[in-house]
């Protein structure tokens, strides 16, 4: 009996050490999962119906609608202008964008550009100024659509309407190739939550 009690007493520190390790492991898992959930549920980051992707093939497709709403007199992409919207993709992904023009009054286009300051923003851009090869569309008129495909490199860019006076009047949104993300995502300004998703 004494021998058995001696063995159990000797095992107590070991069991206590194991319990401490299990507790630390549990707390670590809880912290990681809570952090991940917090990031995934960030209210201004979402996956809209106009974005689809295949993570295995590293391919993403965006459908951008010109004049989706009356915002900025129709000079918008999916209802957004300027820095209201940021399209974010991981590096080494193939990007396809389809421009659909719902504007019965004006043509629209897309030219992928570098960001501009107010002082150097061009009044008009054509495909020859695209920052990536084939990263532009021609002008699409009412109810027309055009598609472009390209592979961007890490950096900050703009999706810019190249039609005369459109981009300079706010018809552009942000496009970021971010090495910190694994899947594409859309980010909108927090003050626009629930307004144009």
Protein backbone atom coordinates (compact mmCIF):
# COMPACT_ATOMS: atom_id res chain seq x y z
CA UNK A 1 0.00 0.00 0.00
CA UNK A 2 2.80 2.43 0.90
CA UNK A 3 4.59 1.52 -2.32
CA UNK A 4 1.45 2.31 -4.37
CA UNK A 5 0.95 5.65 -2.60
CA UNK A 6 4.60 6.49 -3.21
CA UNK A 7 4.18 5.83 -6.96
CA UNK A 8 1.05 8.00 -7.13
CA UNK A 9 2.78 10.81 -5.25
CA UNK A 10 5.66 10.63 -7.71
CA UNK A 11 3.27 10.89 -10.64
CA UNK A 12 1.53 14.04 -9.38
CA UNK A 13 4.17 16.56 -10.56
CA UNK A 14 4.21 14.87 -13.97
CA UNK A 15 0.40 15.00 -14.22
CA UNK A 16 0.41 18.61 -13.09
CA UNK A 17 2.99 19.46 -15.79
CA UNK A 18 0.88 17.69 -18.42
CA UNK A 19 -2.25 19.53 -17.28
CA UNK A 20 -0.41 22.84 -17.52
CA UNK A 21 0.73 22.01 -21.06
CA UNK A 22 -2.80 21.04 -22.07
CA UNK A 23 -4.14 24.30 -20.63
CA UNK A 24 -1.51 26.36 -22.50
CA UNK A 25 -2.28 24.46 -25.71
CA UNK A 26 -6.02 25.06 -25.26
CA UNK A 27 -5.54 28.77 -24.59
CA UNK A 28 -3.23 29.09 -27.60
CA UNK A 29 -5.77 27.38 -29.88
CA UNK A 30 -8.53 29.57 -28.51
CA UNK A 31 -6.53 32.74 -29.11
CA UNK A 32 -5.62 31.75 -32.68
CA UNK A 33 -9.18 30.79 -33.58
CA UNK A 34 -10.56 33.97 -32.01
CA UNK A 35 -8.05 36.10 -33.92
CA UNK A 36 -8.89 34.33 -37.17
CA UNK A 37 -12.61 34.79 -36.63
CA UNK A 38 -12.12 38.45 -35.82
CA UNK A 39 -10.24 39.00 -39.07
CA UNK A 40 -12.72 37.02 -41.16
CA UNK A 41 -15.71 38.87 -39.76
CA UNK A 42 -14.24 42.34 -40.15
CA UNK A 43 -17.36 44.17 -41.33
CA UNK A 44 -15.83 46.15 -44.17
CA UNK A 45 -14.11 43.12 -45.76
CA UNK A 46 -16.35 40.78 -47.72
CA UNK A 47 -16.76 38.54 -50.76
CA UNK A 48 -19.46 40.01 -53.02
CA UNK A 49 -21.48 38.17 -55.65
CA UNK A 50 -19.55 40.00 -58.40
CA UNK A 51 -16.30 38.29 -57.39
CA UNK A 52 -15.55 34.59 -57.94
CA UNK A 53 -12.29 32.70 -57.59
CA UNK A 54 -10.59 29.32 -57.73
CA UNK A 55 -7.91 29.19 -55.01
CA UNK A 56 -6.37 25.97 -56.35
CA UNK A 57 -5.83 27.49 -59.80
CA UNK A 58 -5.08 30.98 -58.42
CA UNK A 59 -7.66 32.58 -60.68
CA UNK A 60 -10.10 35.35 -59.82
CA UNK A 61 -12.83 37.06 -61.83
CA UNK A 62 -14.42 40.44 -61.09
CA UNK A 63 -17.55 41.80 -62.74
CA UNK A 64 -17.48 45.59 -62.68
CA UNK A 65 -20.66 47.42 -63.63
CA UNK A 66 -20.31 51.00 -64.84
CA UNK A 67 -23.21 53.20 -63.71
CA UNK A 68 -24.44 50.54 -61.28
CA UNK A 69 -26.13 53.35 -59.34
CA UNK A 70 -26.63 57.10 -59.53
CA UNK A 71 -23.62 57.71 -57.27
CA UNK A 72 -21.32 60.33 -58.86
CA UNK A 73 -23.86 60.83 -61.69
CA UNK A 74 -23.36 57.23 -62.78
CA UNK A 75 -19.58 57.53 -63.04
CA UNK A 76 -18.92 54.57 -60.73
CA UNK A 77 -17.91 50.92 -60.64
CA UNK A 78 -20.50 48.77 -58.82
CA UNK A 79 -21.72 51.93 -57.13
CA UNK A 80 -18.28 52.93 -55.76
CA UNK A 81 -15.87 55.70 -56.62
CA UNK A 82 -12.33 56.66 -55.65
CA UNK A 83 -11.12 55.12 -52.37
CA UNK A 84 -14.59 53.89 -51.35
CA UNK A 85 -13.62 50.45 -52.67
CA UNK A 86 -10.41 48.42 -52.67
CA UNK A 87 -10.08 45.19 -54.67
CA UNK A 88 -7.40 43.02 -53.05
CA UNK A 89 -5.75 39.96 -54.59
CA UNK A 90 -2.78 37.78 -53.59
CA UNK A 91 0.36 37.80 -55.76
CA UNK A 92 0.79 35.34 -58.65
CA UNK A 93 -2.93 35.14 -59.36
CA UNK A 94 -4.48 35.44 -62.82
CA UNK A 95 -7.04 38.24 -62.81
CA UNK A 96 -9.97 38.58 -65.18
CA UNK A 97 -12.26 41.62 -65.16
CA UNK A 98 -15.46 42.04 -67.11
CA UNK A 99 -16.75 45.58 -67.58
CA UNK A 100 -20.52 45.88 -68.08
CA UNK A 101 -21.84 49.30 -69.03
CA UNK A 102 -25.36 50.15 -67.86
CA UNK A 103 -24.95 53.83 -68.72
CA UNK A 104 -27.23 54.83 -71.58
CA UNK A 105 -25.59 58.24 -71.82
CA UNK A 106 -21.86 57.54 -72.02
CA UNK A 107 -19.27 54.88 -72.82
CA UNK A 108 -16.92 53.59 -70.13
CA UNK A 109 -13.65 51.66 -70.05
CA UNK A 110 -11.11 50.19 -67.66
CA UNK A 111 -7.40 50.91 -67.66
CA UNK A 112 -5.25 49.48 -64.86
CA UNK A 113 -2.96 52.31 -63.79
CA UNK A 114 -0.62 53.43 -61.08
CA UNK A 115 -2.21 55.71 -58.43
CA UNK A 116 -2.17 59.40 -59.29
CA UNK A 117 -2.11 62.59 -57.27
CA UNK A 118 -4.71 65.25 -57.96
CA UNK A 119 -2.07 67.29 -59.80
CA UNK A 120 -0.99 64.60 -62.26
CA UNK A 121 -4.25 62.72 -62.86
CA UNK A 122 -4.82 62.31 -66.60
CA UNK A 123 -7.99 63.56 -68.27
CA UNK A 124 -8.07 60.53 -70.58
CA UNK A 125 -6.27 57.18 -70.85
CA UNK A 126 -6.05 54.49 -73.52
CA UNK A 127 -4.76 50.94 -73.35
CA UNK A 128 -1.20 51.93 -74.23
CA UNK A 129 -0.93 53.45 -70.74
CA UNK A 130 -1.99 50.29 -68.89
CA UNK A 131 0.49 49.30 -66.21
CA UNK A 132 0.21 45.58 -67.05
CA UNK A 133 0.08 43.89 -70.42
CA UNK A 134 -3.54 43.50 -71.66
CA UNK A 135 -4.87 45.20 -68.50
CA UNK A 136 -7.39 47.45 -70.26
CA UNK A 137 -10.64 47.42 -72.20
CA UNK A 138 -11.81 49.49 -75.12
CA UNK A 139 -14.79 51.76 -74.60
CA UNK A 140 -18.00 49.85 -73.89
CA UNK A 141 -21.27 51.53 -74.84
CA UNK A 142 -24.72 51.02 -73.30
CA UNK A 143 -25.41 47.36 -72.45
CA UNK A 144 -22.06 46.24 -73.87
CA UNK A 145 -19.48 44.22 -71.94
CA UNK A 146 -15.75 43.73 -72.38
CA UNK A 147 -13.32 41.40 -70.62
CA UNK A 148 -9.61 41.72 -69.92
CA UNK A 149 -7.12 39.29 -68.31
CA UNK A 150 -3.76 40.01 -66.74
CA UNK A 151 -1.34 38.92 -64.03
CA UNK A 152 -0.42 41.80 -61.68
CA UNK A 153 2.62 42.17 -59.45
CA UNK A 154 2.66 43.24 -55.80
CA UNK A 155 1.74 46.88 -55.35
CA UNK A 156 -1.02 49.50 -55.24
CA UNK A 157 -2.92 50.40 -58.40
CA UNK A 158 -6.15 51.90 -59.68
CA UNK A 159 -9.00 50.58 -61.80
CA UNK A 160 -9.47 53.74 -63.87
CA UNK A 161 -12.11 54.72 -66.42
CA UNK A 162 -10.05 56.01 -69.33
CA UNK A 163 -12.90 57.83 -71.11
CA UNK A 164 -12.28 61.58 -71.30
CA UNK A 165 -13.05 63.36 -68.00
CA UNK A 166 -14.41 60.23 -66.25
CA UNK A 167 -11.41 59.16 -64.15
CA UNK A 168 -10.47 62.69 -63.21
CA UNK A 169 -14.04 63.12 -61.95
CA UNK A 170 -13.77 60.19 -59.55
CA UNK A 171 -14.46 57.10 -61.68
CA UNK A 172 -11.69 54.94 -60.27
CA UNK A 173 -11.30 52.46 -57.41
CA UNK A 174 -8.29 50.95 -55.67
CA UNK A 175 -6.66 47.66 -56.66
CA UNK A 176 -4.03 46.12 -54.40
CA UNK A 177 -1.86 43.05 -54.85
CA UNK A 178 -1.08 42.10 -51.25
CA UNK A 179 1.45 39.40 -50.26
CA UNK A 180 -0.19 39.15 -46.81
CA UNK A 181 -3.44 37.61 -48.07
CA UNK A 182 -4.17 34.14 -49.47
CA UNK A 183 -7.50 34.76 -51.18
CA UNK A 184 -9.03 37.75 -52.97
CA UNK A 185 -11.23 40.08 -50.94
CA UNK A 186 -13.08 43.34 -51.28
CA UNK A 187 -12.80 46.16 -48.77
CA UNK A 188 -15.12 49.14 -48.54
CA UNK A 189 -15.02 52.26 -46.42
CA UNK A 190 -16.65 51.64 -43.05
CA UNK A 191 -19.02 54.59 -43.44
CA UNK A 192 -20.53 52.84 -46.49
CA UNK A 193 -21.35 49.55 -44.71
CA UNK A 194 -24.74 48.25 -45.74
CA UNK A 195 -25.19 50.92 -48.39
CA UNK A 196 -23.66 49.47 -51.55
CA UNK A 197 -22.61 45.81 -51.18
